[in-house]
Amino acid sequence: MSLLDNIKKGQKPRAPRIMLIGVEGVGKSTAGAAMPDPIFICGEDGLVGPQFQDTQSFAPSNWEEILKFLDELAQDSNGFKSVVIDTLDWVEPMLYSYVCTKAGHKNIEDFGYGKGYVVAQQEARQLLSRLDKLNAAGIAVLILCHSQIKTVKNPVGDDYDHFEAKVNMKIGGIFKEWCDAVLFAQFDMYTRKDGMRSKAYGGDGRIVQTTHSAAWDAKNRYGLPEVMPLDMGAIMDAITGGKKDAEDLEALKKEFLGYTKNMKADIAEKARKWLESGKWIPEQLAQKVNSYRVKNNINVTEKKEADNG
């Protein structure tokens, strides 16, 4: 048999693999709870707040318990459709503690300059290999992480600050590479000049940036809109194409047409003709609707609950 017989065309469908980096208090855990049938692996003490009363979680005491739990979950998913790591920067110390104990060191710096992080990076791949197995079985993975502001050394100009994951670069790097989307969550704010100073306004809405910029770390392989609400229902719909049955698709069309009422006449006419042409797929319609939801500050999860009474 020739290896050429194994050539395939098109992408290989798999469950979403997402990293969500967010500023303090933006609602990362709340977003995670909106994932389909999630199980949380909590690096902290656990989930706090009434919004999590029906959310199931596991709080490991060390690195080995995380790996063992994922091994058991791979054998029996217990009906969970998503795994949420909350948060990567709280799991990171467990990783360092494990590799230090194994090597007989007191802390990660005892390995020598930078060497401890290389050892930790190799061990971190054990976590990724287990998440790979779960993902291959159709389970979505969401990795939450706090943000930090770091100065970027710019070889072609002035250095600048930007937001990135609050983990060691070697550790964060392999997780970012593994994920198909890295989203940056922040409050929706803007600044305006007031004399010699700038004042900040807004801050009520919560949004995610889906593409990389000088100001934040992000990427996505799903063709997402550049800005979306911090709403995993909307994000998952855009990624997976959601809205697949006829009833949901009609609801999307109706919502899309509703937004055209506030457009300029020529743009609205063009939008309606595009919809009527039928030359689109559900993912494209969902992405356009998500863009309008951002502009109108609409939370799709709350909207669904309201529609269902």
C-alpha atoms as a PDB file:
ATOM      1  CA  MET A   1       0.000   0.000   0.000  1.00  0.00           C
ATOM      2  CA  SER A   2       1.351   3.395  -0.992  1.00  0.00           C
ATOM      3  CA  LEU A   3       1.446   6.212   1.553  1.00  0.00           C
ATOM      4  CA  LEU A   4      -0.024   8.366  -1.203  1.00  0.00           C
ATOM      5  CA  ASP A   5      -3.284   6.492  -0.633  1.00  0.00           C
ATOM      6  CA  ASN A   6      -3.509   8.210   2.756  1.00  0.00           C
ATOM      7  CA  ILE A   7      -3.724  11.697   1.278  1.00  0.00           C
ATOM      8  CA  LYS A   8      -6.879  13.465   2.440  1.00  0.00           C
ATOM      9  CA  LYS A   9      -8.564  16.668   1.370  1.00  0.00           C
ATOM     10  CA  GLY A  10      -9.997  19.359   3.617  1.00  0.00           C
ATOM     11  CA  GLN A  11      -9.723  19.976   7.337  1.00  0.00           C
ATOM     12  CA  LYS A  12     -10.107  17.350  10.020  1.00  0.00           C
ATOM     13  CA  PRO A  13     -13.067  18.301  12.230  1.00  0.00           C
ATOM     14  CA  ARG A  14     -12.404  18.332  15.964  1.00  0.00           C
ATOM     15  CA  ALA A  15     -13.798  19.913  19.103  1.00  0.00           C
ATOM     16  CA  PRO A  16     -12.659  23.486  19.867  1.00  0.00           C
ATOM     17  CA  ARG A  17      -9.373  24.080  21.715  1.00  0.00           C
ATOM     18  CA  ILE A  18      -9.368  27.568  23.185  1.00  0.00           C
ATOM     19  CA  MET A  19      -7.209  29.640  25.519  1.00  0.00           C
ATOM     20  CA  LEU A  20      -8.968  32.604  27.123  1.00  0.00           C
ATOM     21  CA  ILE A  21      -6.599  35.209  28.580  1.00  0.00           C
ATOM     22  CA  GLY A  22      -8.358  37.897  30.576  1.00  0.00           C
ATOM     23  CA  VAL A  23      -7.830  40.890  32.818  1.00  0.00           C
ATOM     24  CA  GLU A  24      -8.718  40.583  36.498  1.00  0.00           C
ATOM     25  CA  GLY A  25     -12.443  40.348  37.208  1.00  0.00           C
ATOM     26  CA  VAL A  26     -13.585  40.247  33.595  1.00  0.00           C
ATOM     27  CA  GLY A  27     -15.477  36.970  34.106  1.00  0.00           C
ATOM     28  CA  LYS A  28     -13.238  34.197  32.798  1.00  0.00           C
ATOM     29  CA  SER A  29     -14.719  31.502  35.061  1.00  0.00           C
ATOM     30  CA  THR A  30     -18.255  32.674  34.331  1.00  0.00           C
ATOM     31  CA  ALA A  31     -17.481  32.382  30.629  1.00  0.00           C
ATOM     32  CA  GLY A  32     -16.129  28.871  31.207  1.00  0.00           C
ATOM     33  CA  ALA A  33     -19.327  27.841  32.972  1.00  0.00           C
ATOM     34  CA  ALA A  34     -21.213  28.642  29.745  1.00  0.00           C
ATOM     35  CA  MET A  35     -19.283  25.951  27.843  1.00  0.00           C
ATOM     36  CA  PRO A  36     -21.296  22.839  26.892  1.00  0.00           C
ATOM     37  CA  ASP A  37     -21.616  20.521  29.948  1.00  0.00           C
ATOM     38  CA  PRO A  38     -18.284  21.607  31.495  1.00  0.00           C
ATOM     39  CA  ILE A  39     -16.105  20.025  34.175  1.00  0.00           C
ATOM     40  CA  PHE A  40     -13.733  22.519  35.808  1.00  0.00           C
ATOM     41  CA  ILE A  41     -10.213  21.600  36.933  1.00  0.00           C
ATOM     42  CA  CYS A  42      -9.546  24.315  39.480  1.00  0.00           C
ATOM     43  CA  GLY A  43      -5.988  25.299  40.267  1.00  0.00           C
ATOM     44  CA  GLU A  44      -7.433  27.596  42.915  1.00  0.00           C
ATOM     45  CA  ASP A  45      -9.707  26.545  45.804  1.00  0.00           C
ATOM     46  CA  GLY A  46     -12.714  26.095  43.546  1.00  0.00           C
ATOM     47  CA  LEU A  47     -15.575  28.052  42.034  1.00  0.00           C
ATOM     48  CA  VAL A  48     -17.072  30.828  44.137  1.00  0.00           C
ATOM     49  CA  GLY A  49     -20.436  32.472  43.481  1.00  0.00           C
ATOM     50  CA  PRO A  50     -24.097  31.532  43.018  1.00  0.00           C
ATOM     51  CA  GLN A  51     -23.641  31.414  39.234  1.00  0.00           C
ATOM     52  CA  PHE A  52     -21.657  28.194  39.700  1.00  0.00           C
ATOM     53  CA  GLN A  53     -24.133  26.293  41.861  1.00  0.00           C
ATOM     54  CA  ASP A  54     -24.829  23.787  39.085  1.00  0.00           C
ATOM     55  CA  THR A  55     -21.263  23.679  37.726  1.00  0.00           C
ATOM     56  CA  GLN A  56     -19.182  20.612  38.556  1.00  0.00           C
ATOM     57  CA  SER A  57     -15.504  20.968  39.425  1.00  0.00           C
ATOM     58  CA  PHE A  58     -12.440  19.084  40.642  1.00  0.00           C
ATOM     59  CA  ALA A  59      -9.745  20.797  42.741  1.00  0.00           C
ATOM     60  CA  PRO A  60      -6.486  18.795  42.523  1.00  0.00           C
ATOM     61  CA  SER A  61      -3.909  19.144  45.266  1.00  0.00           C
ATOM     62  CA  ASN A  62      -0.933  18.467  42.997  1.00  0.00           C
ATOM     63  CA  TRP A  63       0.223  17.952  39.401  1.00  0.00           C
ATOM     64  CA  GLU A  64      -0.088  14.169  39.478  1.00  0.00           C
ATOM     65  CA  GLU A  65      -3.748  14.389  40.480  1.00  0.00           C
ATOM     66  CA  ILE A  66      -4.453  16.556  37.437  1.00  0.00           C
ATOM     67  CA  LEU A  67      -2.963  13.964  35.086  1.00  0.00           C
ATOM     68  CA  LYS A  68      -4.692  11.070  36.846  1.00  0.00           C
ATOM     69  CA  PHE A  69      -8.055  12.843  36.751  1.00  0.00           C
ATOM     70  CA  LEU A  70      -7.731  13.451  33.002  1.00  0.00           C
ATOM     71  CA  ASP A  71      -6.747   9.795  32.483  1.00  0.00           C
ATOM     72  CA  GLU A  72      -9.900   8.693  34.306  1.00  0.00           C
ATOM     73  CA  LEU A  73     -11.991  11.190  32.368  1.00  0.00           C
ATOM     74  CA  ALA A  74     -10.640   9.731  29.123  1.00  0.00           C
ATOM     75  CA  GLN A  75     -11.907   6.315  30.230  1.00  0.00           C
ATOM     76  CA  ASP A  76     -15.344   7.648  31.210  1.00  0.00           C
ATOM     77  CA  SER A  77     -16.355  11.181  30.263  1.00  0.00           C
ATOM     78  CA  ASN A  78     -19.368  11.069  32.623  1.00  0.00           C
ATOM     79  CA  GLY A  79     -21.336  13.024  30.059  1.00  0.00           C
ATOM     80  CA  PHE A  80     -19.040  16.057  30.164  1.00  0.00           C
ATOM     81  CA  LYS A  81     -18.597  17.809  26.826  1.00  0.00           C
ATOM     82  CA  SER A  82     -15.999  20.387  27.893  1.00  0.00           C
ATOM     83  CA  VAL A  83     -12.939  20.540  30.139  1.00  0.00           C
ATOM     84  CA  VAL A  84     -12.091  23.934  31.631  1.00  0.00           C
ATOM     85  CA  ILE A  85      -8.645  24.567  33.162  1.00  0.00           C
ATOM     86  CA  ASP A  86      -9.128  27.356  35.730  1.00  0.00           C
ATOM     87  CA  THR A  87      -6.526  28.792  35.596  1.00  0.00           C
ATOM     88  CA  LEU A  88      -3.271  27.866  33.845  1.00  0.00           C
ATOM     89  CA  ASP A  89      -1.260  30.295  35.978  1.00  0.00           C
ATOM     90  CA  TRP A  90      -2.594  28.629  39.161  1.00  0.00           C
ATOM     91  CA  VAL A  91      -1.776  25.165  37.814  1.00  0.00           C
ATOM     92  CA  GLU A  92       1.745  26.294  36.882  1.00  0.00           C
ATOM     93  CA  PRO A  93       3.107  26.222  40.496  1.00  0.00           C
ATOM     94  CA  MET A  94       1.918  22.591  40.840  1.00  0.00           C
ATOM     95  CA  LEU A  95       3.947  21.769  37.733  1.00  0.00           C
ATOM     96  CA  TYR A  96       7.072  23.414  39.167  1.00  0.00           C
ATOM     97  CA  SER A  97       6.611  21.705  42.529  1.00  0.00           C
ATOM     98  CA  TYR A  98       6.394  18.317  40.801  1.00  0.00           C
ATOM     99  CA  VAL A  99       9.519  18.700  38.639  1.00  0.00           C
ATOM    100  CA  CYS A 100      11.512  20.153  41.563  1.00  0.00           C
ATOM    101  CA  THR A 101      10.554  17.314  43.924  1.00  0.00           C
ATOM    102  CA  LYS A 102      11.366  14.755  41.231  1.00  0.00           C
ATOM    103  CA  ALA A 103      14.824  16.292  40.688  1.00  0.00           C
ATOM    104  CA  GLY A 104      15.513  16.910  44.380  1.00  0.00           C
ATOM    105  CA  HIS A 105      15.499  20.701  44.098  1.00  0.00           C
ATOM    106  CA  LYS A 106      13.824  23.257  46.344  1.00  0.00           C
ATOM    107  CA  ASN A 107      12.747  25.626  43.574  1.00  0.00           C
ATOM    108  CA  ILE A 108      12.755  25.931  39.811  1.00  0.00           C
ATOM    109  CA  GLU A 109      15.823  28.193  39.762  1.00  0.00           C
ATOM    110  CA  ASP A 110      17.985  25.466  41.368  1.00  0.00           C
ATOM    111  CA  PHE A 111      18.216  23.709  37.984  1.00  0.00           C
ATOM    112  CA  GLY A 112      20.445  26.469  36.695  1.00  0.00           C
ATOM    113  CA  TYR A 113      19.754  29.480  34.510  1.00  0.00           C
ATOM    114  CA  GLY A 114      16.585  28.758  32.469  1.00  0.00           C
ATOM    115  CA  LYS A 115      17.054  24.978  32.649  1.00  0.00           C
ATOM    116  CA  GLY A 116      14.224  24.372  35.096  1.00  0.00           C
ATOM    117  CA  TYR A 117      11.678  25.909  32.743  1.00  0.00           C
ATOM    118  CA  VAL A 118      12.852  23.640  29.919  1.00  0.00           C
ATOM    119  CA  VAL A 119      12.299  20.602  32.164  1.00  0.00           C
ATOM    120  CA  ALA A 120       8.894  21.971  33.207  1.00  0.00           C
ATOM    121  CA  GLN A 121       7.958  22.564  29.572  1.00  0.00           C
ATOM    122  CA  GLN A 122       8.615  18.920  28.735  1.00  0.00           C
ATOM    123  CA  GLU A 123       6.495  17.798  31.688  1.00  0.00           C
ATOM    124  CA  ALA A 124       3.717  20.209  30.679  1.00  0.00           C
ATOM    125  CA  ARG A 125       3.399  18.233  27.452  1.00  0.00           C
ATOM    126  CA  GLN A 126       2.048  15.380  29.591  1.00  0.00           C
ATOM    127  CA  LEU A 127      -0.978  17.557  30.290  1.00  0.00           C
ATOM    128  CA  LEU A 128      -1.350  18.428  26.620  1.00  0.00           C
ATOM    129  CA  SER A 129      -1.161  14.758  25.593  1.00  0.00           C
ATOM    130  CA  ARG A 130      -4.084  13.987  27.919  1.00  0.00           C
ATOM    131  CA  LEU A 131      -6.079  16.944  26.669  1.00  0.00           C
ATOM    132  CA  ASP A 132      -5.347  15.681  23.140  1.00  0.00           C
ATOM    133  CA  LYS A 133      -7.009  12.346  23.931  1.00  0.00           C
ATOM    134  CA  LEU A 134     -10.084  14.041  25.338  1.00  0.00           C
ATOM    135  CA  ASN A 135     -10.255  16.444  22.421  1.00  0.00           C
ATOM    136  CA  ALA A 136      -9.991  13.588  19.921  1.00  0.00           C
ATOM    137  CA  ALA A 137     -13.002  12.040  21.671  1.00  0.00           C
ATOM    138  CA  GLY A 138     -15.049  15.166  20.946  1.00  0.00           C
ATOM    139  CA  ILE A 139     -14.558  17.050  24.217  1.00  0.00           C
ATOM    140  CA  ALA A 140     -13.901  20.799  23.918  1.00  0.00           C
ATOM    141  CA  VAL A 141     -11.026  22.296  25.916  1.00  0.00           C
ATOM    142  CA  LEU A 142     -10.991  25.796  27.392  1.00  0.00           C
ATOM    143  CA  ILE A 143      -7.821  26.966  29.156  1.00  0.00           C
ATOM    144  CA  LEU A 144      -8.326  30.076  31.273  1.00  0.00           C
ATOM    145  CA  CYS A 145      -5.433  32.328  32.212  1.00  0.00           C
ATOM    146  CA  HIS A 146      -4.942  35.666  33.940  1.00  0.00           C
ATOM    147  CA  SER A 147      -3.204  38.415  31.977  1.00  0.00           C
ATOM    148  CA  GLN A 148      -0.136  40.484  32.658  1.00  0.00           C
ATOM    149  CA  ILE A 149       1.456  43.470  30.946  1.00  0.00           C
ATOM    150  CA  LYS A 150       4.919  42.732  29.560  1.00  0.00           C
ATOM    151  CA  THR A 151       7.337  44.888  27.600  1.00  0.00           C
ATOM    152  CA  VAL A 152       8.042  43.561  24.112  1.00  0.00           C
ATOM    153  CA  LYS A 153      11.552  44.023  22.755  1.00  0.00           C
ATOM    154  CA  ASN A 154      11.041  45.443  19.281  1.00  0.00           C
ATOM    155  CA  PRO A 155      14.012  44.827  16.936  1.00  0.00           C
ATOM    156  CA  VAL A 156      12.767  47.340  14.351  1.00  0.00           C
ATOM    157  CA  GLY A 157      11.555  50.181  16.569  1.00  0.00           C
ATOM    158  CA  ASP A 158      10.698  51.297  20.080  1.00  0.00           C
ATOM    159  CA  ASP A 159       9.809  48.698  22.712  1.00  0.00           C
ATOM    160  CA  TYR A 160       6.147  48.583  23.713  1.00  0.00           C
ATOM    161  CA  ASP A 161       3.852  47.040  26.351  1.00  0.00           C
ATOM    162  CA  HIS A 162       1.179  44.480  25.652  1.00  0.00           C
ATOM    163  CA  PHE A 163      -1.098  41.999  27.429  1.00  0.00           C
ATOM    164  CA  GLU A 164      -0.126  38.327  27.482  1.00  0.00           C
ATOM    165  CA  ALA A 165      -0.710  35.182  29.563  1.00  0.00           C
ATOM    166  CA  LYS A 166       0.523  35.392  33.152  1.00  0.00           C
ATOM    167  CA  VAL A 167       2.751  32.312  32.860  1.00  0.00           C
ATOM    168  CA  ASN A 168       6.343  31.615  31.977  1.00  0.00           C
ATOM    169  CA  MET A 169       6.969  32.163  28.262  1.00  0.00           C
ATOM    170  CA  LYS A 170       8.123  28.567  27.669  1.00  0.00           C
ATOM    171  CA  ILE A 171       5.061  27.105  29.402  1.00  0.00           C
ATOM    172  CA  GLY A 172       2.548  29.508  27.886  1.00  0.00           C
ATOM    173  CA  GLY A 173       4.080  29.098  24.449  1.00  0.00           C
ATOM    174  CA  ILE A 174       3.287  25.410  24.027  1.00  0.00           C
ATOM    175  CA  PHE A 175      -0.288  25.867  25.240  1.00  0.00           C
ATOM    176  CA  LYS A 176      -0.854  28.783  22.864  1.00  0.00           C
ATOM    177  CA  GLU A 177       0.544  26.767  19.963  1.00  0.00           C
ATOM    178  CA  TRP A 178      -1.693  23.820  20.837  1.00  0.00           C
ATOM    179  CA  CYS A 179      -4.880  25.862  20.953  1.00  0.00           C
ATOM    180  CA  ASP A 180      -6.716  26.806  17.771  1.00  0.00           C
ATOM    181  CA  ALA A 181      -7.885  30.068  19.308  1.00  0.00           C
ATOM    182  CA  VAL A 182      -6.280  32.398  21.845  1.00  0.00           C
ATOM    183  CA  LEU A 183      -8.765  35.049  22.923  1.00  0.00           C
ATOM    184  CA  PHE A 184      -8.064  38.159  24.972  1.00  0.00           C
ATOM    185  CA  ALA A 185     -10.907  39.264  27.268  1.00  0.00           C
ATOM    186  CA  GLN A 186     -11.201  42.824  28.522  1.00  0.00           C
ATOM    187  CA  PHE A 187     -13.722  45.454  29.519  1.00  0.00           C
ATOM    188  CA  ASP A 188     -15.033  47.494  26.605  1.00  0.00           C
ATOM    189  CA  MET A 189     -13.462  50.896  27.322  1.00  0.00           C
ATOM    190  CA  TYR A 190     -12.269  53.835  25.294  1.00  0.00           C
ATOM    191  CA  THR A 191     -10.328  57.003  26.055  1.00  0.00           C
ATOM    192  CA  ARG A 192     -11.016  60.606  25.152  1.00  0.00           C
ATOM    193  CA  LYS A 193      -8.742  63.631  25.393  1.00  0.00           C
ATOM    194  CA  ASP A 194      -9.714  66.097  28.118  1.00  0.00           C
ATOM    195  CA  GLY A 195      -7.250  68.940  27.847  1.00  0.00           C
ATOM    196  CA  MET A 196      -3.757  67.555  28.392  1.00  0.00           C
ATOM    197  CA  ARG A 197      -5.011  64.292  29.887  1.00  0.00           C
ATOM    198  CA  SER A 198      -7.016  61.317  28.632  1.00  0.00           C
ATOM    199  CA  LYS A 199     -10.077  59.998  30.455  1.00  0.00           C
ATOM    200  CA  ALA A 200     -11.409  56.442  30.257  1.00  0.00           C
ATOM    201  CA  TYR A 201     -15.095  55.802  29.535  1.00  0.00           C
ATOM    202  CA  GLY A 202     -17.315  52.736  29.262  1.00  0.00           C
ATOM    203  CA  GLY A 203     -16.248  49.558  31.015  1.00  0.00           C
ATOM    204  CA  ASP A 204     -19.736  48.052  31.282  1.00  0.00           C
ATOM    205  CA  GLY A 205     -19.426  45.615  28.396  1.00  0.00           C
ATOM    206  CA  ARG A 206     -17.042  42.649  28.286  1.00  0.00           C
ATOM    207  CA  ILE A 207     -15.505  41.679  24.977  1.00  0.00           C
ATOM    208  CA  VAL A 208     -12.874  39.378  23.504  1.00  0.00           C
ATOM    209  CA  GLN A 209     -10.279  40.261  20.918  1.00  0.00           C
ATOM    210  CA  THR A 210      -9.705  37.354  18.530  1.00  0.00           C
ATOM    211  CA  THR A 211      -6.742  38.546  16.450  1.00  0.00           C
ATOM    212  CA  HIS A 212      -3.212  39.506  17.460  1.00  0.00           C
ATOM    213  CA  SER A 213      -2.234  43.133  17.850  1.00  0.00           C
ATOM    214  CA  ALA A 214       0.597  45.101  19.419  1.00  0.00           C
ATOM    215  CA  ALA A 215      -1.601  45.570  22.500  1.00  0.00           C
ATOM    216  CA  TRP A 216      -2.551  41.941  23.192  1.00  0.00           C
ATOM    217  CA  ASP A 217      -1.791  38.314  22.419  1.00  0.00           C
ATOM    218  CA  ALA A 218      -4.509  36.565  20.387  1.00  0.00           C
ATOM    219  CA  LYS A 219      -5.121  34.349  17.367  1.00  0.00           C
ATOM    220  CA  ASN A 220      -7.839  32.203  15.868  1.00  0.00           C
ATOM    221  CA  ARG A 221      -8.068  29.642  13.095  1.00  0.00           C
ATOM    222  CA  TYR A 222     -11.852  29.851  12.874  1.00  0.00           C
ATOM    223  CA  GLY A 223     -12.315  33.089  10.944  1.00  0.00           C
ATOM    224  CA  LEU A 224     -13.977  34.774  13.921  1.00  0.00           C
ATOM    225  CA  PRO A 225     -14.896  38.474  13.913  1.00  0.00           C
ATOM    226  CA  GLU A 226     -12.087  40.596  15.353  1.00  0.00           C
ATOM    227  CA  VAL A 227     -14.234  41.572  18.353  1.00  0.00           C
ATOM    228  CA  MET A 228     -16.951  39.483  20.005  1.00  0.00           C
ATOM    229  CA  PRO A 229     -18.909  39.569  23.260  1.00  0.00           C
ATOM    230  CA  LEU A 230     -17.356  37.644  26.158  1.00  0.00           C
ATOM    231  CA  ASP A 231     -20.032  35.027  25.722  1.00  0.00           C
ATOM    232  CA  MET A 232     -18.990  31.434  25.129  1.00  0.00           C
ATOM    233  CA  GLY A 233     -22.413  30.651  23.668  1.00  0.00           C
ATOM    234  CA  ALA A 234     -21.802  33.136  20.845  1.00  0.00           C
ATOM    235  CA  ILE A 235     -18.178  32.123  20.460  1.00  0.00           C
ATOM    236  CA  MET A 236     -18.953  28.395  20.294  1.00  0.00           C
ATOM    237  CA  ASP A 237     -21.769  29.056  17.811  1.00  0.00           C
ATOM    238  CA  ALA A 238     -19.360  30.943  15.565  1.00  0.00           C
ATOM    239  CA  ILE A 239     -16.677  28.259  15.848  1.00  0.00           C
ATOM    240  CA  THR A 240     -18.846  25.194  15.341  1.00  0.00           C
ATOM    241  CA  GLY A 241     -21.421  26.749  13.066  1.00  0.00           C
ATOM    242  CA  GLY A 242     -24.051  26.106  15.778  1.00  0.00           C
ATOM    243  CA  LYS A 243     -27.568  26.958  14.677  1.00  0.00           C
ATOM    244  CA  LYS A 244     -27.706  23.888  12.450  1.00  0.00           C
ATOM    245  CA  ASP A 245     -31.328  22.860  12.645  1.00  0.00           C
ATOM    246  CA  ALA A 246     -33.969  24.672  10.602  1.00  0.00           C
ATOM    247  CA  GLU A 247     -35.640  26.373  13.572  1.00  0.00           C
ATOM    248  CA  ASP A 248     -32.403  27.869  14.879  1.00  0.00           C
ATOM    249  CA  LEU A 249     -31.298  28.909  11.403  1.00  0.00           C
ATOM    250  CA  GLU A 250     -34.576  30.779  10.891  1.00  0.00           C
ATOM    251  CA  ALA A 251     -34.035  32.526  14.226  1.00  0.00           C
ATOM    252  CA  LEU A 252     -30.585  33.640  13.036  1.00  0.00           C
ATOM    253  CA  LYS A 253     -32.036  34.972   9.779  1.00  0.00           C
ATOM    254  CA  LYS A 254     -34.720  36.893  11.670  1.00  0.00           C
ATOM    255  CA  GLU A 255     -32.141  38.391  14.019  1.00  0.00           C
ATOM    256  CA  PHE A 256     -29.922  39.358  11.071  1.00  0.00           C
ATOM    257  CA  LEU A 257     -32.833  41.097   9.328  1.00  0.00           C
ATOM    258  CA  GLY A 258     -33.618  42.943  12.541  1.00  0.00           C
ATOM    259  CA  TYR A 259     -30.167  44.512  12.517  1.00  0.00           C
ATOM    260  CA  THR A 260     -30.589  45.720   8.933  1.00  0.00           C
ATOM    261  CA  LYS A 261     -33.294  48.152  10.127  1.00  0.00           C
ATOM    262  CA  ASN A 262     -30.610  50.284  11.753  1.00  0.00           C
ATOM    263  CA  MET A 263     -28.260  50.256   8.734  1.00  0.00           C
ATOM    264  CA  LYS A 264     -27.973  52.840   6.008  1.00  0.00           C
ATOM    265  CA  ALA A 265     -30.423  52.073   3.204  1.00  0.00           C
ATOM    266  CA  ASP A 266     -27.836  50.954   0.645  1.00  0.00           C
ATOM    267  CA  ILE A 267     -25.968  48.747   3.145  1.00  0.00           C
ATOM    268  CA  ALA A 268     -29.236  47.248   4.407  1.00  0.00           C
ATOM    269  CA  GLU A 269     -30.311  46.420   0.863  1.00  0.00           C
ATOM    270  CA  LYS A 270     -26.972  44.745   0.154  1.00  0.00           C
ATOM    271  CA  ALA A 271     -27.230  42.722   3.378  1.00  0.00           C
ATOM    272  CA  ARG A 272     -30.762  41.535   2.586  1.00  0.00           C
ATOM    273  CA  LYS A 273     -29.767  40.504  -0.934  1.00  0.00           C
ATOM    274  CA  TRP A 274     -26.831  38.530   0.492  1.00  0.00           C
ATOM    275  CA  LEU A 275     -29.189  36.700   2.848  1.00  0.00           C
ATOM    276  CA  GLU A 276     -31.739  36.005   0.111  1.00  0.00           C
ATOM    277  CA  SER A 277     -29.045  34.690  -2.259  1.00  0.00           C
ATOM    278  CA  GLY A 278     -28.472  31.645  -0.057  1.00  0.00           C
ATOM    279  CA  LYS A 279     -24.780  31.729  -1.040  1.00  0.00           C
ATOM    280  CA  TRP A 280     -23.540  31.406   2.522  1.00  0.00           C
ATOM    281  CA  ILE A 281     -23.039  28.761   5.180  1.00  0.00           C
ATOM    282  CA  PRO A 282     -24.380  28.856   8.774  1.00  0.00           C
ATOM    283  CA  GLU A 283     -20.911  29.759  10.126  1.00  0.00           C
ATOM    284  CA  GLN A 284     -20.824  32.942   7.999  1.00  0.00           C
ATOM    285  CA  LEU A 285     -24.290  34.026   9.079  1.00  0.00           C
ATOM    286  CA  ALA A 286     -23.468  33.305  12.729  1.00  0.00           C
ATOM    287  CA  GLN A 287     -20.276  35.389  12.501  1.00  0.00           C
ATOM    288  CA  LYS A 288     -22.122  38.366  11.001  1.00  0.00           C
ATOM    289  CA  VAL A 289     -24.805  38.165  13.682  1.00  0.00           C
ATOM    290  CA  ASN A 290     -22.126  37.961  16.376  1.00  0.00           C
ATOM    291  CA  SER A 291     -20.534  41.148  15.007  1.00  0.00           C
ATOM    292  CA  TYR A 292     -23.843  42.991  15.296  1.00  0.00           C
ATOM    293  CA  ARG A 293     -24.332  41.628  18.818  1.00  0.00           C
ATOM    294  CA  VAL A 294     -21.011  43.170  19.821  1.00  0.00           C
ATOM    295  CA  LYS A 295     -22.072  46.562  18.434  1.00  0.00           C
ATOM    296  CA  ASN A 296     -25.374  46.324  20.309  1.00  0.00           C
ATOM    297  CA  ASN A 297     -23.805  44.860  23.497  1.00  0.00           C
ATOM    298  CA  ILE A 298     -26.057  41.770  23.413  1.00  0.00           C
ATOM    299  CA  ASN A 299     -25.221  38.670  25.468  1.00  0.00           C
ATOM    300  CA  VAL A 300     -26.443  35.655  23.489  1.00  0.00           C
ATOM    301  CA  THR A 301     -26.783  33.403  26.560  1.00  0.00           C
ATOM    302  CA  GLU A 302     -29.025  35.918  28.314  1.00  0.00           C
ATOM    303  CA  LYS A 303     -30.947  36.382  25.067  1.00  0.00           C
ATOM    304  CA  LYS A 304     -31.602  32.638  24.762  1.00  0.00           C
ATOM    305  CA  GLU A 305     -32.839  32.489  28.359  1.00  0.00           C
ATOM    306  CA  ALA A 306     -35.157  35.432  27.735  1.00  0.00           C
ATOM    307  CA  ASP A 307     -36.485  33.901  24.503  1.00  0.00           C
ATOM    308  CA  ASN A 308     -37.196  30.662  26.376  1.00  0.00           C
ATOM    309  CA  GLY A 309     -39.088  32.499  29.095  1.00  0.00           C
END
